[in-house]
Amino acid sequence: FDDDAIGWFRQAPGKEREGVSCISTRDGSTYV
């Protein structure tokens, strides 16, 4: 957790896996 990217993905039945969110522990920046 010093320099890691933690993502949240979701997958519905019959659908492609979707990137939902991500947080970088290096600086706390996020993607949504």
PDB file of all heavy atoms in Angstrom:
ATOM      1  N   PHE A   1       0.821  -1.207   0.000  1.00  0.00           N
ATOM      2  CA  PHE A   1       0.000   0.000   0.000  1.00  0.00           C
ATOM      3  C   PHE A   1       0.860   1.264   0.000  1.00  0.00           C
ATOM      4  O   PHE A   1       0.355   2.348   0.298  1.00  0.00           O
ATOM      5  CB  PHE A   1      -0.979   0.006   1.184  1.00  0.00           C
ATOM      6  CG  PHE A   1      -2.292  -0.664   0.879  1.00  0.00           C
ATOM      7  CD1 PHE A   1      -2.329  -2.007   0.559  1.00  0.00           C
ATOM      8  CD2 PHE A   1      -3.480   0.048   0.905  1.00  0.00           C
ATOM      9  CE1 PHE A   1      -3.528  -2.635   0.272  1.00  0.00           C
ATOM     10  CE2 PHE A   1      -4.679  -0.576   0.632  1.00  0.00           C
ATOM     11  CZ  PHE A   1      -4.707  -1.915   0.313  1.00  0.00           C
ATOM     12  N   ASP A   2       2.127   1.154  -0.320  1.00  0.00           N
ATOM     13  CA  ASP A   2       2.986   2.319  -0.499  1.00  0.00           C
ATOM     14  C   ASP A   2       2.850   2.900  -1.900  1.00  0.00           C
ATOM     15  O   ASP A   2       2.854   4.121  -2.077  1.00  0.00           O
ATOM     16  CB  ASP A   2       4.445   1.959  -0.240  1.00  0.00           C
ATOM     17  CG  ASP A   2       4.732   1.647   1.214  1.00  0.00           C
ATOM     18  OD1 ASP A   2       4.046   2.193   2.095  1.00  0.00           O
ATOM     19  OD2 ASP A   2       5.665   0.856   1.466  1.00  0.00           O
ATOM     20  N   ASP A   3       2.750   2.040  -2.880  1.00  0.00           N
ATOM     21  CA  ASP A   3       2.659   2.467  -4.276  1.00  0.00           C
ATOM     22  C   ASP A   3       1.861   1.425  -5.052  1.00  0.00           C
ATOM     23  O   ASP A   3       2.412   0.697  -5.881  1.00  0.00           O
ATOM     24  CB  ASP A   3       4.056   2.649  -4.866  1.00  0.00           C
ATOM     25  CG  ASP A   3       4.029   3.178  -6.281  1.00  0.00           C
ATOM     26  OD1 ASP A   3       3.021   3.809  -6.670  1.00  0.00           O
ATOM     27  OD2 ASP A   3       5.017   2.958  -7.022  1.00  0.00           O
ATOM     28  N   ASP A   4       0.581   1.374  -4.772  1.00  0.00           N
ATOM     29  CA  ASP A   4      -0.278   0.365  -5.380  1.00  0.00           C
ATOM     30  C   ASP A   4      -1.540   0.988  -5.945  1.00  0.00           C
ATOM     31  O   ASP A   4      -2.024   2.003  -5.455  1.00  0.00           O
ATOM     32  CB  ASP A   4      -0.657  -0.708  -4.354  1.00  0.00           C
ATOM     33  CG  ASP A   4       0.545  -1.433  -3.800  1.00  0.00           C
ATOM     34  OD1 ASP A   4       1.376  -1.913  -4.596  1.00  0.00           O
ATOM     35  OD2 ASP A   4       0.662  -1.513  -2.554  1.00  0.00           O
ATOM     36  N   ALA A   5      -2.047   0.371  -6.982  1.00  0.00           N
ATOM     37  CA  ALA A   5      -3.322   0.742  -7.577  1.00  0.00           C
ATOM     38  C   ALA A   5      -4.346  -0.314  -7.209  1.00  0.00           C
ATOM     39  O   ALA A   5      -4.150  -1.496  -7.498  1.00  0.00           O
ATOM     40  CB  ALA A   5      -3.195   0.866  -9.095  1.00  0.00           C
ATOM     41  N   ILE A   6      -5.415   0.111  -6.573  1.00  0.00           N
ATOM     42  CA  ILE A   6      -6.478  -0.796  -6.176  1.00  0.00           C
ATOM     43  C   ILE A   6      -7.709  -0.457  -7.001  1.00  0.00           C
ATOM     44  O   ILE A   6      -8.224   0.660  -6.922  1.00  0.00           O
ATOM     45  CB  ILE A   6      -6.803  -0.696  -4.678  1.00  0.00           C
ATOM     46  CG1 ILE A   6      -5.517  -0.620  -3.833  1.00  0.00           C
ATOM     47  CG2 ILE A   6      -7.688  -1.864  -4.258  1.00  0.00           C
ATOM     48  CD1 ILE A   6      -4.625  -1.831  -3.939  1.00  0.00           C
ATOM     49  N   GLY A   7      -8.174  -1.398  -7.773  1.00  0.00           N
ATOM     50  CA  GLY A   7      -9.309  -1.165  -8.652  1.00  0.00           C
ATOM     51  C   GLY A   7     -10.568  -1.861  -8.184  1.00  0.00           C
ATOM     52  O   GLY A   7     -10.523  -2.838  -7.435  1.00  0.00           O
ATOM     53  N   TRP A   8     -11.685  -1.324  -8.613  1.00  0.00           N
ATOM     54  CA  TRP A   8     -12.973  -1.988  -8.481  1.00  0.00           C
ATOM     55  C   TRP A   8     -13.501  -2.241  -9.886  1.00  0.00           C
ATOM     56  O   TRP A   8     -13.629  -1.310 -10.680  1.00  0.00           O
ATOM     57  CB  TRP A   8     -13.976  -1.160  -7.686  1.00  0.00           C
ATOM     58  CG  TRP A   8     -13.809  -1.241  -6.194  1.00  0.00           C
ATOM     59  CD1 TRP A   8     -13.252  -0.317  -5.382  1.00  0.00           C
ATOM     60  CD2 TRP A   8     -14.238  -2.325  -5.351  1.00  0.00           C
ATOM     61  NE1 TRP A   8     -13.294  -0.737  -4.076  1.00  0.00           N
ATOM     62  CE2 TRP A   8     -13.895  -1.964  -4.022  1.00  0.00           C
ATOM     63  CE3 TRP A   8     -14.875  -3.547  -5.572  1.00  0.00           C
ATOM     64  CZ2 TRP A   8     -14.161  -2.799  -2.925  1.00  0.00           C
ATOM     65  CZ3 TRP A   8     -15.137  -4.373  -4.492  1.00  0.00           C
ATOM     66  CH2 TRP A   8     -14.778  -3.989  -3.182  1.00  0.00           C
ATOM     67  N   PHE A   9     -13.782  -3.494 -10.173  1.00  0.00           N
ATOM     68  CA  PHE A   9     -14.376  -3.905 -11.434  1.00  0.00           C
ATOM     69  C   PHE A   9     -15.691  -4.602 -11.153  1.00  0.00           C
ATOM     70  O   PHE A   9     -15.916  -5.106 -10.059  1.00  0.00           O
ATOM     71  CB  PHE A   9     -13.450  -4.859 -12.202  1.00  0.00           C
ATOM     72  CG  PHE A   9     -12.214  -4.218 -12.755  1.00  0.00           C
ATOM     73  CD1 PHE A   9     -11.126  -3.960 -11.942  1.00  0.00           C
ATOM     74  CD2 PHE A   9     -12.135  -3.881 -14.097  1.00  0.00           C
ATOM     75  CE1 PHE A   9      -9.981  -3.374 -12.450  1.00  0.00           C
ATOM     76  CE2 PHE A   9     -10.996  -3.297 -14.622  1.00  0.00           C
ATOM     77  CZ  PHE A   9      -9.923  -3.046 -13.794  1.00  0.00           C
ATOM     78  N   ARG A  10     -16.543  -4.650 -12.154  1.00  0.00           N
ATOM     79  CA  ARG A  10     -17.780  -5.389 -12.022  1.00  0.00           C
ATOM     80  C   ARG A  10     -18.071  -6.142 -13.310  1.00  0.00           C
ATOM     81  O   ARG A  10     -17.684  -5.721 -14.389  1.00  0.00           O
ATOM     82  CB  ARG A  10     -18.952  -4.469 -11.669  1.00  0.00           C
ATOM     83  CG  ARG A  10     -19.319  -3.450 -12.741  1.00  0.00           C
ATOM     84  CD  ARG A  10     -20.381  -2.500 -12.209  1.00  0.00           C
ATOM     85  NE  ARG A  10     -20.819  -1.542 -13.211  1.00  0.00           N
ATOM     86  CZ  ARG A  10     -21.668  -0.550 -12.966  1.00  0.00           C
ATOM     87  NH1 ARG A  10     -22.156  -0.381 -11.732  1.00  0.00           N
ATOM     88  NH2 ARG A  10     -22.019   0.287 -13.942  1.00  0.00           N
ATOM     89  N   GLN A  11     -18.762  -7.252 -13.163  1.00  0.00           N
ATOM     90  CA  GLN A  11     -19.131  -8.050 -14.312  1.00  0.00           C
ATOM     91  C   GLN A  11     -20.546  -8.573 -14.124  1.00  0.00           C
ATOM     92  O   GLN A  11     -20.813  -9.318 -13.184  1.00  0.00           O
ATOM     93  CB  GLN A  11     -18.165  -9.212 -14.528  1.00  0.00           C
ATOM     94  CG  GLN A  11     -18.410  -9.969 -15.819  1.00  0.00           C
ATOM     95  CD  GLN A  11     -17.259 -10.882 -16.185  1.00  0.00           C
ATOM     96  OE1 GLN A  11     -16.523 -11.344 -15.316  1.00  0.00           O
ATOM     97  NE2 GLN A  11     -17.092 -11.134 -17.471  1.00  0.00           N
ATOM     98  N   ALA A  12     -21.417  -8.161 -15.018  1.00  0.00           N
ATOM     99  CA  ALA A  12     -22.784  -8.656 -15.038  1.00  0.00           C
ATOM    100  C   ALA A  12     -22.855  -9.884 -15.932  1.00  0.00           C
ATOM    101  O   ALA A  12     -22.026 -10.052 -16.835  1.00  0.00           O
ATOM    102  CB  ALA A  12     -23.729  -7.574 -15.543  1.00  0.00           C
ATOM    103  N   PRO A  13     -23.822 -10.757 -15.704  1.00  0.00           N
ATOM    104  CA  PRO A  13     -23.948 -11.953 -16.542  1.00  0.00           C
ATOM    105  C   PRO A  13     -24.059 -11.611 -18.021  1.00  0.00           C
ATOM    106  O   PRO A  13     -24.872 -10.771 -18.413  1.00  0.00           O
ATOM    107  CB  PRO A  13     -25.234 -12.607 -16.028  1.00  0.00           C
ATOM    108  CG  PRO A  13     -25.356 -12.136 -14.620  1.00  0.00           C
ATOM    109  CD  PRO A  13     -24.825 -10.726 -14.631  1.00  0.00           C
ATOM    110  N   GLY A  14     -23.221 -12.236 -18.832  1.00  0.00           N
ATOM    111  CA  GLY A  14     -23.249 -12.021 -20.263  1.00  0.00           C
ATOM    112  C   GLY A  14     -22.611 -10.736 -20.738  1.00  0.00           C
ATOM    113  O   GLY A  14     -22.677 -10.436 -21.934  1.00  0.00           O
ATOM    114  N   LYS A  15     -21.997  -9.975 -19.843  1.00  0.00           N
ATOM    115  CA  LYS A  15     -21.386  -8.708 -20.217  1.00  0.00           C
ATOM    116  C   LYS A  15     -19.889  -8.722 -19.958  1.00  0.00           C
ATOM    117  O   LYS A  15     -19.382  -9.545 -19.202  1.00  0.00           O
ATOM    118  CB  LYS A  15     -22.034  -7.552 -19.453  1.00  0.00           C
ATOM    119  CG  LYS A  15     -23.488  -7.291 -19.809  1.00  0.00           C
ATOM    120  CD  LYS A  15     -23.998  -6.043 -19.128  1.00  0.00           C
ATOM    121  CE  LYS A  15     -25.420  -5.732 -19.542  1.00  0.00           C
ATOM    122  NZ  LYS A  15     -25.916  -4.496 -18.888  1.00  0.00           N
ATOM    123  N   GLU A  16     -19.194  -7.796 -20.595  1.00  0.00           N
ATOM    124  CA  GLU A  16     -17.764  -7.648 -20.389  1.00  0.00           C
ATOM    125  C   GLU A  16     -17.484  -7.082 -19.007  1.00  0.00           C
ATOM    126  O   GLU A  16     -18.293  -6.347 -18.438  1.00  0.00           O
ATOM    127  CB  GLU A  16     -17.164  -6.731 -21.456  1.00  0.00           C
ATOM    128  CG  GLU A  16     -17.265  -7.253 -22.880  1.00  0.00           C
ATOM    129  CD  GLU A  16     -16.329  -8.404 -23.142  1.00  0.00           C
ATOM    130  OE1 GLU A  16     -15.283  -8.505 -22.461  1.00  0.00           O
ATOM    131  OE2 GLU A  16     -16.629  -9.221 -24.024  1.00  0.00           O
ATOM    132  N   ARG A  17     -16.333  -7.422 -18.470  1.00  0.00           N
ATOM    133  CA  ARG A  17     -15.901  -6.872 -17.203  1.00  0.00           C
ATOM    134  C   ARG A  17     -15.654  -5.375 -17.370  1.00  0.00           C
ATOM    135  O   ARG A  17     -14.977  -4.944 -18.308  1.00  0.00           O
ATOM    136  CB  ARG A  17     -14.649  -7.583 -16.720  1.00  0.00           C
ATOM    137  CG  ARG A  17     -14.172  -7.175 -15.340  1.00  0.00           C
ATOM    138  CD  ARG A  17     -13.078  -8.110 -14.859  1.00  0.00           C
ATOM    139  NE  ARG A  17     -13.597  -9.455 -14.606  1.00  0.00           N
ATOM    140  CZ  ARG A  17     -12.830 -10.525 -14.418  1.00  0.00           C
ATOM    141  NH1 ARG A  17     -11.505 -10.408 -14.477  1.00  0.00           N
ATOM    142  NH2 ARG A  17     -13.377 -11.704 -14.186  1.00  0.00           N
ATOM    143  N   GLU A  18     -16.202  -4.587 -16.456  1.00  0.00           N
ATOM    144  CA  GLU A  18     -16.172  -3.134 -16.549  1.00  0.00           C
ATOM    145  C   GLU A  18     -15.360  -2.540 -15.409  1.00  0.00           C
ATOM    146  O   GLU A  18     -15.587  -2.874 -14.243  1.00  0.00           O
ATOM    147  CB  GLU A  18     -17.593  -2.577 -16.515  1.00  0.00           C
ATOM    148  CG  GLU A  18     -17.672  -1.055 -16.513  1.00  0.00           C
ATOM    149  CD  GLU A  18     -19.065  -0.534 -16.263  1.00  0.00           C
ATOM    150  OE1 GLU A  18     -19.941  -1.334 -15.873  1.00  0.00           O
ATOM    151  OE2 GLU A  18     -19.295   0.680 -16.464  1.00  0.00           O
ATOM    152  N   GLY A  19     -14.442  -1.660 -15.746  1.00  0.00           N
ATOM    153  CA  GLY A  19     -13.711  -0.920 -14.737  1.00  0.00           C
ATOM    154  C   GLY A  19     -14.579   0.171 -14.138  1.00  0.00           C
ATOM    155  O   GLY A  19     -15.095   1.026 -14.859  1.00  0.00           O
ATOM    156  N   VAL A  20     -14.738   0.153 -12.838  1.00  0.00           N
ATOM    157  CA  VAL A  20     -15.627   1.074 -12.142  1.00  0.00           C
ATOM    158  C   VAL A  20     -14.862   2.205 -11.474  1.00  0.00           C
ATOM    159  O   VAL A  20     -15.221   3.376 -11.594  1.00  0.00           O
ATOM    160  CB  VAL A  20     -16.479   0.328 -11.098  1.00  0.00           C
ATOM    161  CG1 VAL A  20     -17.310   1.307 -10.277  1.00  0.00           C
ATOM    162  CG2 VAL A  20     -17.383  -0.684 -11.790  1.00  0.00           C
ATOM    163  N   SER A  21     -13.803   1.855 -10.757  1.00  0.00           N
ATOM    164  CA  SER A  21     -13.078   2.855  -9.992  1.00  0.00           C
ATOM    165  C   SER A  21     -11.687   2.338  -9.661  1.00  0.00           C
ATOM    166  O   SER A  21     -11.406   1.142  -9.768  1.00  0.00           O
ATOM    167  CB  SER A  21     -13.847   3.195  -8.709  1.00  0.00           C
ATOM    168  OG  SER A  21     -13.293   4.320  -8.057  1.00  0.00           O
ATOM    169  N   CYS A  22     -10.816   3.250  -9.256  1.00  0.00           N
ATOM    170  CA  CYS A  22      -9.443   2.889  -8.895  1.00  0.00           C
ATOM    171  C   CYS A  22      -8.879   3.965  -7.985  1.00  0.00           C
ATOM    172  O   CYS A  22      -9.202   5.148  -8.147  1.00  0.00           O
ATOM    173  CB  CYS A  22      -8.584   2.739 -10.150  1.00  0.00           C
ATOM    174  SG  CYS A  22      -6.937   2.040  -9.873  1.00  0.00           S
ATOM    175  N   ILE A  23      -8.056   3.552  -7.050  1.00  0.00           N
ATOM    176  CA  ILE A  23      -7.376   4.496  -6.173  1.00  0.00           C
ATOM    177  C   ILE A  23      -5.895   4.169  -6.137  1.00  0.00           C
ATOM    178  O   ILE A  23      -5.512   2.999  -6.060  1.00  0.00           O
ATOM    179  CB  ILE A  23      -7.993   4.502  -4.755  1.00  0.00           C
ATOM    180  CG1 ILE A  23      -7.356   5.602  -3.897  1.00  0.00           C
ATOM    181  CG2 ILE A  23      -7.870   3.143  -4.081  1.00  0.00           C
ATOM    182  CD1 ILE A  23      -8.132   5.899  -2.623  1.00  0.00           C
ATOM    183  N   SER A  24      -5.059   5.201  -6.218  1.00  0.00           N
ATOM    184  CA  SER A  24      -3.616   5.059  -6.134  1.00  0.00           C
ATOM    185  C   SER A  24      -3.175   5.381  -4.718  1.00  0.00           C
ATOM    186  O   SER A  24      -3.373   6.497  -4.237  1.00  0.00           O
ATOM    187  CB  SER A  24      -2.924   6.002  -7.118  1.00  0.00           C
ATOM    188  OG  SER A  24      -3.289   5.707  -8.453  1.00  0.00           O
ATOM    189  N   THR A  25      -2.593   4.404  -4.047  1.00  0.00           N
ATOM    190  CA  THR A  25      -2.177   4.622  -2.668  1.00  0.00           C
ATOM    191  C   THR A  25      -1.003   5.585  -2.567  1.00  0.00           C
ATOM    192  O   THR A  25      -0.764   6.152  -1.501  1.00  0.00           O
ATOM    193  CB  THR A  25      -1.803   3.298  -1.996  1.00  0.00           C
ATOM    194  OG1 THR A  25      -0.697   2.704  -2.685  1.00  0.00           O
ATOM    195  CG2 THR A  25      -2.983   2.342  -2.012  1.00  0.00           C
ATOM    196  N   ARG A  26      -0.263   5.797  -3.662  1.00  0.00           N
ATOM    197  CA  ARG A  26       0.872   6.705  -3.652  1.00  0.00           C
ATOM    198  C   ARG A  26       0.455   8.119  -3.262  1.00  0.00           C
ATOM    199  O   ARG A  26       1.119   8.756  -2.446  1.00  0.00           O
ATOM    200  CB  ARG A  26       1.547   6.717  -5.019  1.00  0.00           C
ATOM    201  CG  ARG A  26       2.739   7.655  -5.132  1.00  0.00           C
ATOM    202  CD  ARG A  26       3.191   7.800  -6.573  1.00  0.00           C
ATOM    203  NE  ARG A  26       3.622   6.541  -7.145  1.00  0.00           N
ATOM    204  CZ  ARG A  26       3.963   6.375  -8.419  1.00  0.00           C
ATOM    205  NH1 ARG A  26       3.919   7.412  -9.255  1.00  0.00           N
ATOM    206  NH2 ARG A  26       4.340   5.183  -8.857  1.00  0.00           N
ATOM    207  N   ASP A  27      -0.627   8.602  -3.846  1.00  0.00           N
ATOM    208  CA  ASP A  27      -1.037   9.979  -3.615  1.00  0.00           C
ATOM    209  C   ASP A  27      -2.524  10.147  -3.339  1.00  0.00           C
ATOM    210  O   ASP A  27      -2.988  11.274  -3.165  1.00  0.00           O
ATOM    211  CB  ASP A  27      -0.639  10.858  -4.801  1.00  0.00           C
ATOM    212  CG  ASP A  27      -1.222  10.374  -6.117  1.00  0.00           C
ATOM    213  OD1 ASP A  27      -2.051   9.448  -6.112  1.00  0.00           O
ATOM    214  OD2 ASP A  27      -0.834  10.924  -7.164  1.00  0.00           O
ATOM    215  N   GLY A  28      -3.270   9.064  -3.309  1.00  0.00           N
ATOM    216  CA  GLY A  28      -4.694   9.131  -3.038  1.00  0.00           C
ATOM    217  C   GLY A  28      -5.551   9.533  -4.217  1.00  0.00           C
ATOM    218  O   GLY A  28      -6.762   9.734  -4.052  1.00  0.00           O
ATOM    219  N   SER A  29      -4.958   9.667  -5.390  1.00  0.00           N
ATOM    220  CA  SER A  29      -5.730  10.035  -6.564  1.00  0.00           C
ATOM    221  C   SER A  29      -6.670   8.904  -6.948  1.00  0.00           C
ATOM    222  O   SER A  29      -6.386   7.728  -6.696  1.00  0.00           O
ATOM    223  CB  SER A  29      -4.813  10.393  -7.729  1.00  0.00           C
ATOM    224  OG  SER A  29      -4.003   9.284  -8.093  1.00  0.00           O
ATOM    225  N   THR A  30      -7.784   9.258  -7.564  1.00  0.00           N
ATOM    226  CA  THR A  30      -8.811   8.279  -7.890  1.00  0.00           C
ATOM    227  C   THR A  30      -9.290   8.422  -9.323  1.00  0.00           C
ATOM    228  O   THR A  30      -9.189   9.488  -9.940  1.00  0.00           O
ATOM    229  CB  THR A  30     -10.024   8.398  -6.955  1.00  0.00           C
ATOM    230  OG1 THR A  30     -10.604   9.704  -7.087  1.00  0.00           O
ATOM    231  CG2 THR A  30      -9.619   8.180  -5.505  1.00  0.00           C
ATOM    232  N   TYR A  31      -9.799   7.327  -9.823  1.00  0.00           N
ATOM    233  CA  TYR A  31     -10.509   7.295 -11.089  1.00  0.00           C
ATOM    234  C   TYR A  31     -11.901   6.728 -10.822  1.00  0.00           C
ATOM    235  O   TYR A  31     -12.053   5.751 -10.082  1.00  0.00           O
ATOM    236  CB  TYR A  31      -9.783   6.419 -12.117  1.00  0.00           C
ATOM    237  CG  TYR A  31     -10.675   5.961 -13.248  1.00  0.00           C
ATOM    238  CD1 TYR A  31     -10.946   6.796 -14.327  1.00  0.00           C
ATOM    239  CD2 TYR A  31     -11.269   4.699 -13.229  1.00  0.00           C
ATOM    240  CE1 TYR A  31     -11.780   6.393 -15.354  1.00  0.00           C
ATOM    241  CE2 TYR A  31     -12.106   4.289 -14.254  1.00  0.00           C
ATOM    242  CZ  TYR A  31     -12.354   5.133 -15.316  1.00  0.00           C
ATOM    243  OH  TYR A  31     -13.181   4.726 -16.334  1.00  0.00           O
ATOM    244  N   VAL A  32     -12.906   7.348 -11.420  1.00  0.00           N
ATOM    245  CA  VAL A  32     -14.277   6.860 -11.318  1.00  0.00           C
ATOM    246  C   VAL A  32     -14.886   6.886 -12.713  1.00  0.00           C
ATOM    247  O   VAL A  32     -14.823   7.907 -13.405  1.00  0.00           O
ATOM    248  CB  VAL A  32     -15.119   7.712 -10.356  1.00  0.00           C
ATOM    249  CG1 VAL A  32     -16.517   7.127 -10.225  1.00  0.00           C
ATOM    250  CG2 VAL A  32     -14.463   7.789  -8.985  1.00  0.00           C
TER     251      VAL A  32
END
